[in-house]
Amino acid sequence: MTADILALLRRRRSVNPAALKGPGPSRSELETLLSIASRVPDHGKLAPWRFVVLEGAARERWGRLALDLKLAERPELDAVARDQELNRFSQAPVVVAVVSRAKEHVKIPQWEQVLSAGAACMNLVVAANAMGFATSWFTDWCAYDRRFAAAVGLEAFERFAGFIHIGRPAATPEDRARPELADVTTWLHE
């Protein structure tokens, strides 16, 4: 069992949303995934994150909103860029928006709350991969755009930690170069 978990973590990689096909996770599978995503370090038991699950037409509505906001800034947007915005959330069968709810707290620093939301994203990614799905964790411009956030119902203090695209890989993804351990590790003794 331990070897299986380590093997999964060693081979996990992101798959471009355009290469994610259906079927996506069922409602029951999504509930399992979100329960696992919720089991992250959470100092103070604040649950400083929440999930918005996009399926079906909801994905197209968010894509239409992204396109409309982009066109308001750049009406000259070409057809390829328009299509990219319109389909931003509809390439994968399911997209889970992980929303960070970090705010001032008397004991718990906001940074710890933000890290908890990031851990929820990673737990969701790993759990979905363990369940046989492939994923991609994206942000991009609309994750940082307050107009977009307000239009989809985020409160003023909320931020997107990421959009987790979930589906089945159309092909086995190629791995990419990873950093050399020696380049990213400092060993201290004594």
C-alpha atoms as a PDB file:
ATOM      1  CA  MET A   1       0.000   0.000   0.000  1.00  0.00           C
ATOM      2  CA  THR A   2       2.732   2.482   0.936  1.00  0.00           C
ATOM      3  CA  ALA A   3       4.618   1.620  -2.255  1.00  0.00           C
ATOM      4  CA  ASP A   4       1.463   2.309  -4.298  1.00  0.00           C
ATOM      5  CA  ILE A   5       1.043   5.739  -2.717  1.00  0.00           C
ATOM      6  CA  LEU A   6       4.679   6.635  -3.302  1.00  0.00           C
ATOM      7  CA  ALA A   7       4.474   5.433  -6.913  1.00  0.00           C
ATOM      8  CA  LEU A   8       1.394   7.612  -7.466  1.00  0.00           C
ATOM      9  CA  LEU A   9       3.165  10.650  -6.052  1.00  0.00           C
ATOM     10  CA  ARG A  10       6.243   9.969  -8.184  1.00  0.00           C
ATOM     11  CA  ARG A  11       4.291   9.759 -11.457  1.00  0.00           C
ATOM     12  CA  ARG A  12       1.647  12.441 -10.830  1.00  0.00           C
ATOM     13  CA  ARG A  13       1.726  15.249 -13.341  1.00  0.00           C
ATOM     14  CA  SER A  14      -0.620  17.858 -14.712  1.00  0.00           C
ATOM     15  CA  VAL A  15      -2.555  17.236 -17.902  1.00  0.00           C
ATOM     16  CA  ASN A  16      -3.629  20.169 -20.058  1.00  0.00           C
ATOM     17  CA  PRO A  17      -7.406  20.703 -19.703  1.00  0.00           C
ATOM     18  CA  ALA A  18      -7.787  20.338 -23.485  1.00  0.00           C
ATOM     19  CA  ALA A  19      -6.494  16.761 -23.113  1.00  0.00           C
ATOM     20  CA  LEU A  20      -8.999  15.857 -20.377  1.00  0.00           C
ATOM     21  CA  LYS A  21     -12.022  13.900 -21.532  1.00  0.00           C
ATOM     22  CA  GLY A  22     -15.119  12.416 -19.922  1.00  0.00           C
ATOM     23  CA  PRO A  23     -16.517  10.873 -18.095  1.00  0.00           C
ATOM     24  CA  GLY A  24     -15.584  12.971 -15.125  1.00  0.00           C
ATOM     25  CA  PRO A  25     -16.110  11.966 -11.531  1.00  0.00           C
ATOM     26  CA  SER A  26     -19.647  11.118 -10.450  1.00  0.00           C
ATOM     27  CA  ARG A  27     -21.392  13.054  -7.691  1.00  0.00           C
ATOM     28  CA  SER A  28     -20.403  10.353  -5.189  1.00  0.00           C
ATOM     29  CA  GLU A  29     -16.780  10.411  -6.383  1.00  0.00           C
ATOM     30  CA  LEU A  30     -16.730  14.210  -6.179  1.00  0.00           C
ATOM     31  CA  GLU A  31     -18.039  14.089  -2.621  1.00  0.00           C
ATOM     32  CA  THR A  32     -15.257  11.654  -1.740  1.00  0.00           C
ATOM     33  CA  LEU A  33     -12.661  13.867  -3.435  1.00  0.00           C
ATOM     34  CA  LEU A  34     -13.880  17.006  -1.673  1.00  0.00           C
ATOM     35  CA  SER A  35     -13.938  15.216   1.685  1.00  0.00           C
ATOM     36  CA  ILE A  36     -10.314  14.228   1.128  1.00  0.00           C
ATOM     37  CA  ALA A  37      -9.446  17.753  -0.036  1.00  0.00           C
ATOM     38  CA  SER A  38     -10.853  19.029   3.269  1.00  0.00           C
ATOM     39  CA  ARG A  39      -8.459  16.896   5.335  1.00  0.00           C
ATOM     40  CA  VAL A  40      -5.589  19.351   5.361  1.00  0.00           C
ATOM     41  CA  PRO A  41      -3.701  21.212   8.067  1.00  0.00           C
ATOM     42  CA  ASP A  42      -6.089  23.855   9.350  1.00  0.00           C
ATOM     43  CA  HIS A  43      -4.720  25.654  12.388  1.00  0.00           C
ATOM     44  CA  GLY A  44      -7.665  26.885  14.431  1.00  0.00           C
ATOM     45  CA  LYS A  45     -10.197  24.706  12.579  1.00  0.00           C
ATOM     46  CA  LEU A  46     -11.253  27.703  10.479  1.00  0.00           C
ATOM     47  CA  ALA A  47     -11.852  25.853   7.188  1.00  0.00           C
ATOM     48  CA  PRO A  48     -10.340  28.852   5.384  1.00  0.00           C
ATOM     49  CA  TRP A  49     -11.398  27.529   1.963  1.00  0.00           C
ATOM     50  CA  ARG A  50     -14.491  26.371   0.160  1.00  0.00           C
ATOM     51  CA  PHE A  51     -15.265  24.581  -3.092  1.00  0.00           C
ATOM     52  CA  VAL A  52     -17.352  25.557  -6.109  1.00  0.00           C
ATOM     53  CA  VAL A  53     -17.987  22.573  -8.402  1.00  0.00           C
ATOM     54  CA  LEU A  54     -18.564  23.433 -12.065  1.00  0.00           C
ATOM     55  CA  GLU A  55     -20.264  20.862 -14.244  1.00  0.00           C
ATOM     56  CA  GLY A  56     -22.368  21.040 -17.394  1.00  0.00           C
ATOM     57  CA  ALA A  57     -23.707  24.463 -18.360  1.00  0.00           C
ATOM     58  CA  ALA A  58     -22.123  26.142 -15.319  1.00  0.00           C
ATOM     59  CA  ARG A  59     -18.731  25.727 -17.013  1.00  0.00           C
ATOM     60  CA  GLU A  60     -20.021  27.524 -20.117  1.00  0.00           C
ATOM     61  CA  ARG A  61     -21.525  30.356 -18.024  1.00  0.00           C
ATOM     62  CA  TRP A  62     -18.192  31.007 -16.339  1.00  0.00           C
ATOM     63  CA  GLY A  63     -16.453  30.901 -19.719  1.00  0.00           C
ATOM     64  CA  ARG A  64     -18.959  33.388 -21.169  1.00  0.00           C
ATOM     65  CA  LEU A  65     -18.291  35.691 -18.210  1.00  0.00           C
ATOM     66  CA  ALA A  66     -14.525  35.408 -18.764  1.00  0.00           C
ATOM     67  CA  LEU A  67     -14.980  36.263 -22.442  1.00  0.00           C
ATOM     68  CA  ASP A  68     -17.250  39.228 -21.705  1.00  0.00           C
ATOM     69  CA  LEU A  69     -14.787  40.668 -19.188  1.00  0.00           C
ATOM     70  CA  LYS A  70     -11.865  40.183 -21.569  1.00  0.00           C
ATOM     71  CA  LEU A  71     -13.791  41.823 -24.436  1.00  0.00           C
ATOM     72  CA  ALA A  72     -14.585  44.807 -22.222  1.00  0.00           C
ATOM     73  CA  GLU A  73     -10.827  45.393 -21.955  1.00  0.00           C
ATOM     74  CA  ARG A  74      -9.826  44.247 -25.441  1.00  0.00           C
ATOM     75  CA  PRO A  75     -12.687  44.414 -27.962  1.00  0.00           C
ATOM     76  CA  GLU A  76     -10.205  43.636 -30.768  1.00  0.00           C
ATOM     77  CA  LEU A  77      -9.608  40.131 -29.379  1.00  0.00           C
ATOM     78  CA  ASP A  78      -9.130  37.678 -32.259  1.00  0.00           C
ATOM     79  CA  ALA A  79     -11.259  34.569 -32.795  1.00  0.00           C
ATOM     80  CA  VAL A  80      -8.695  32.186 -31.293  1.00  0.00           C
ATOM     81  CA  ALA A  81      -8.404  34.222 -28.083  1.00  0.00           C
ATOM     82  CA  ARG A  82     -12.201  34.586 -27.888  1.00  0.00           C
ATOM     83  CA  ASP A  83     -12.596  30.828 -28.189  1.00  0.00           C
ATOM     84  CA  GLN A  84      -9.940  30.273 -25.525  1.00  0.00           C
ATOM     85  CA  GLU A  85     -11.800  32.495 -23.061  1.00  0.00           C
ATOM     86  CA  LEU A  86     -15.206  31.029 -23.908  1.00  0.00           C
ATOM     87  CA  ASN A  87     -13.930  27.473 -23.340  1.00  0.00           C
ATOM     88  CA  ARG A  88     -11.731  28.285 -20.351  1.00  0.00           C
ATOM     89  CA  PHE A  89     -13.836  26.170 -17.964  1.00  0.00           C
ATOM     90  CA  SER A  90     -15.471  23.707 -20.345  1.00  0.00           C
ATOM     91  CA  GLN A  91     -12.590  21.626 -21.656  1.00  0.00           C
ATOM     92  CA  ALA A  92     -12.485  19.194 -18.726  1.00  0.00           C
ATOM     93  CA  PRO A  93     -15.677  17.448 -17.602  1.00  0.00           C
ATOM     94  CA  VAL A  94     -15.444  18.982 -14.113  1.00  0.00           C
ATOM     95  CA  VAL A  95     -13.724  22.049 -12.686  1.00  0.00           C
ATOM     96  CA  VAL A  96     -13.494  22.637  -8.951  1.00  0.00           C
ATOM     97  CA  ALA A  97     -12.792  26.220  -7.960  1.00  0.00           C
ATOM     98  CA  VAL A  98     -10.994  26.221  -4.621  1.00  0.00           C
ATOM     99  CA  VAL A  99     -11.697  29.502  -2.873  1.00  0.00           C
ATOM    100  CA  SER A 100      -9.371  30.803  -0.179  1.00  0.00           C
ATOM    101  CA  ARG A 101     -11.315  32.430   2.669  1.00  0.00           C
ATOM    102  CA  ALA A 102      -8.246  33.744   4.506  1.00  0.00           C
ATOM    103  CA  LYS A 103      -8.940  36.761   6.683  1.00  0.00           C
ATOM    104  CA  GLU A 104      -7.615  38.508   9.772  1.00  0.00           C
ATOM    105  CA  HIS A 105      -7.772  36.354  12.885  1.00  0.00           C
ATOM    106  CA  VAL A 106      -6.626  37.001  16.426  1.00  0.00           C
ATOM    107  CA  LYS A 107      -4.423  33.864  16.533  1.00  0.00           C
ATOM    108  CA  ILE A 108      -4.112  32.382  13.036  1.00  0.00           C
ATOM    109  CA  PRO A 109      -1.985  34.313  10.505  1.00  0.00           C
ATOM    110  CA  GLN A 110      -3.567  34.800   7.094  1.00  0.00           C
ATOM    111  CA  TRP A 111      -0.550  33.157   5.487  1.00  0.00           C
ATOM    112  CA  GLU A 112      -1.322  29.881   7.296  1.00  0.00           C
ATOM    113  CA  GLN A 113      -4.902  30.083   6.055  1.00  0.00           C
ATOM    114  CA  VAL A 114      -3.738  30.628   2.467  1.00  0.00           C
ATOM    115  CA  LEU A 115      -1.382  27.660   2.759  1.00  0.00           C
ATOM    116  CA  SER A 116      -4.303  25.543   3.992  1.00  0.00           C
ATOM    117  CA  ALA A 117      -6.247  26.433   0.813  1.00  0.00           C
ATOM    118  CA  GLY A 118      -3.218  25.441  -1.269  1.00  0.00           C
ATOM    119  CA  ALA A 119      -3.029  22.156   0.614  1.00  0.00           C
ATOM    120  CA  ALA A 120      -6.736  21.581  -0.152  1.00  0.00           C
ATOM    121  CA  CYS A 121      -5.936  22.062  -3.847  1.00  0.00           C
ATOM    122  CA  MET A 122      -3.079  19.573  -3.693  1.00  0.00           C
ATOM    123  CA  ASN A 123      -5.096  17.006  -1.734  1.00  0.00           C
ATOM    124  CA  LEU A 124      -7.813  17.268  -4.377  1.00  0.00           C
ATOM    125  CA  VAL A 125      -5.270  16.811  -7.178  1.00  0.00           C
ATOM    126  CA  VAL A 126      -3.622  13.791  -5.551  1.00  0.00           C
ATOM    127  CA  ALA A 127      -6.939  12.167  -4.582  1.00  0.00           C
ATOM    128  CA  ALA A 128      -8.338  12.595  -8.108  1.00  0.00           C
ATOM    129  CA  ASN A 129      -5.200  11.035  -9.568  1.00  0.00           C
ATOM    130  CA  ALA A 130      -5.432   8.159  -7.071  1.00  0.00           C
ATOM    131  CA  MET A 131      -9.010   7.619  -8.243  1.00  0.00           C
ATOM    132  CA  GLY A 132      -7.793   7.238 -11.842  1.00  0.00           C
ATOM    133  CA  PHE A 133      -8.500  10.747 -13.098  1.00  0.00           C
ATOM    134  CA  ALA A 134      -6.042  13.315 -14.389  1.00  0.00           C
ATOM    135  CA  THR A 135      -5.956  16.920 -13.285  1.00  0.00           C
ATOM    136  CA  SER A 136      -4.637  20.359 -13.969  1.00  0.00           C
ATOM    137  CA  TRP A 137      -4.421  23.122 -11.344  1.00  0.00           C
ATOM    138  CA  PHE A 138      -4.742  26.506 -13.039  1.00  0.00           C
ATOM    139  CA  THR A 139      -5.214  30.090 -11.987  1.00  0.00           C
ATOM    140  CA  ASP A 140      -4.650  32.529 -14.886  1.00  0.00           C
ATOM    141  CA  TRP A 141      -6.006  36.069 -15.064  1.00  0.00           C
ATOM    142  CA  CYS A 142      -9.567  35.437 -13.928  1.00  0.00           C
ATOM    143  CA  ALA A 143      -8.330  33.993 -10.627  1.00  0.00           C
ATOM    144  CA  TYR A 144      -6.994  37.460  -9.805  1.00  0.00           C
ATOM    145  CA  ASP A 145      -9.712  39.600 -11.369  1.00  0.00           C
ATOM    146  CA  ARG A 146     -12.027  41.118  -8.751  1.00  0.00           C
ATOM    147  CA  ARG A 147     -14.779  41.688 -11.345  1.00  0.00           C
ATOM    148  CA  PHE A 148     -14.788  37.990 -12.191  1.00  0.00           C
ATOM    149  CA  ALA A 149     -14.704  36.985  -8.523  1.00  0.00           C
ATOM    150  CA  ALA A 150     -17.617  39.252  -7.628  1.00  0.00           C
ATOM    151  CA  ALA A 151     -19.654  38.126 -10.642  1.00  0.00           C
ATOM    152  CA  VAL A 152     -19.391  34.456  -9.594  1.00  0.00           C
ATOM    153  CA  GLY A 153     -20.276  35.179  -5.980  1.00  0.00           C
ATOM    154  CA  LEU A 154     -17.010  35.501  -4.084  1.00  0.00           C
ATOM    155  CA  GLU A 155     -17.040  37.773  -1.070  1.00  0.00           C
ATOM    156  CA  ALA A 156     -14.653  40.745  -1.048  1.00  0.00           C
ATOM    157  CA  PHE A 157     -12.092  38.939   1.138  1.00  0.00           C
ATOM    158  CA  GLU A 158     -12.174  35.678  -0.848  1.00  0.00           C
ATOM    159  CA  ARG A 159      -9.649  34.711  -3.531  1.00  0.00           C
ATOM    160  CA  PHE A 160      -9.300  31.797  -5.910  1.00  0.00           C
ATOM    161  CA  ALA A 161      -6.559  29.402  -4.820  1.00  0.00           C
ATOM    162  CA  GLY A 162      -7.019  27.559  -8.087  1.00  0.00           C
ATOM    163  CA  PHE A 163      -9.263  25.950 -10.632  1.00  0.00           C
ATOM    164  CA  ILE A 164      -8.764  22.176 -10.559  1.00  0.00           C
ATOM    165  CA  HIS A 165      -9.728  20.654 -13.926  1.00  0.00           C
ATOM    166  CA  ILE A 166     -10.604  16.954 -13.599  1.00  0.00           C
ATOM    167  CA  GLY A 167     -11.156  14.353 -16.296  1.00  0.00           C
ATOM    168  CA  ARG A 168      -9.640  11.343 -17.975  1.00  0.00           C
ATOM    169  CA  PRO A 169      -6.418  11.781 -19.933  1.00  0.00           C
ATOM    170  CA  ALA A 170      -6.828  11.433 -23.707  1.00  0.00           C
ATOM    171  CA  ALA A 171      -3.267  10.028 -23.773  1.00  0.00           C
ATOM    172  CA  THR A 172      -0.560   9.179 -21.271  1.00  0.00           C
ATOM    173  CA  PRO A 173       1.027  12.499 -20.349  1.00  0.00           C
ATOM    174  CA  GLU A 174       4.745  12.917 -20.849  1.00  0.00           C
ATOM    175  CA  ASP A 175       6.755  13.856 -17.833  1.00  0.00           C
ATOM    176  CA  ARG A 176       8.646  17.103 -17.706  1.00  0.00           C
ATOM    177  CA  ALA A 177      12.035  17.972 -16.304  1.00  0.00           C
ATOM    178  CA  ARG A 178      12.008  18.347 -12.537  1.00  0.00           C
ATOM    179  CA  PRO A 179      14.485  20.310 -10.430  1.00  0.00           C
ATOM    180  CA  GLU A 180      17.564  18.506  -9.244  1.00  0.00           C
ATOM    181  CA  LEU A 181      17.183  17.748  -5.546  1.00  0.00           C
ATOM    182  CA  ALA A 182      20.584  19.307  -4.831  1.00  0.00           C
ATOM    183  CA  ASP A 183      19.404  22.595  -6.385  1.00  0.00           C
ATOM    184  CA  VAL A 184      16.383  22.930  -4.094  1.00  0.00           C
ATOM    185  CA  THR A 185      17.588  21.341  -0.837  1.00  0.00           C
ATOM    186  CA  THR A 186      19.806  22.551   1.966  1.00  0.00           C
ATOM    187  CA  TRP A 187      20.925  19.925   4.472  1.00  0.00           C
ATOM    188  CA  LEU A 188      21.841  21.216   7.918  1.00  0.00           C
ATOM    189  CA  HIS A 189      23.640  19.072  10.477  1.00  0.00           C
ATOM    190  CA  GLU A 190      24.307  20.185  14.057  1.00  0.00           C
END
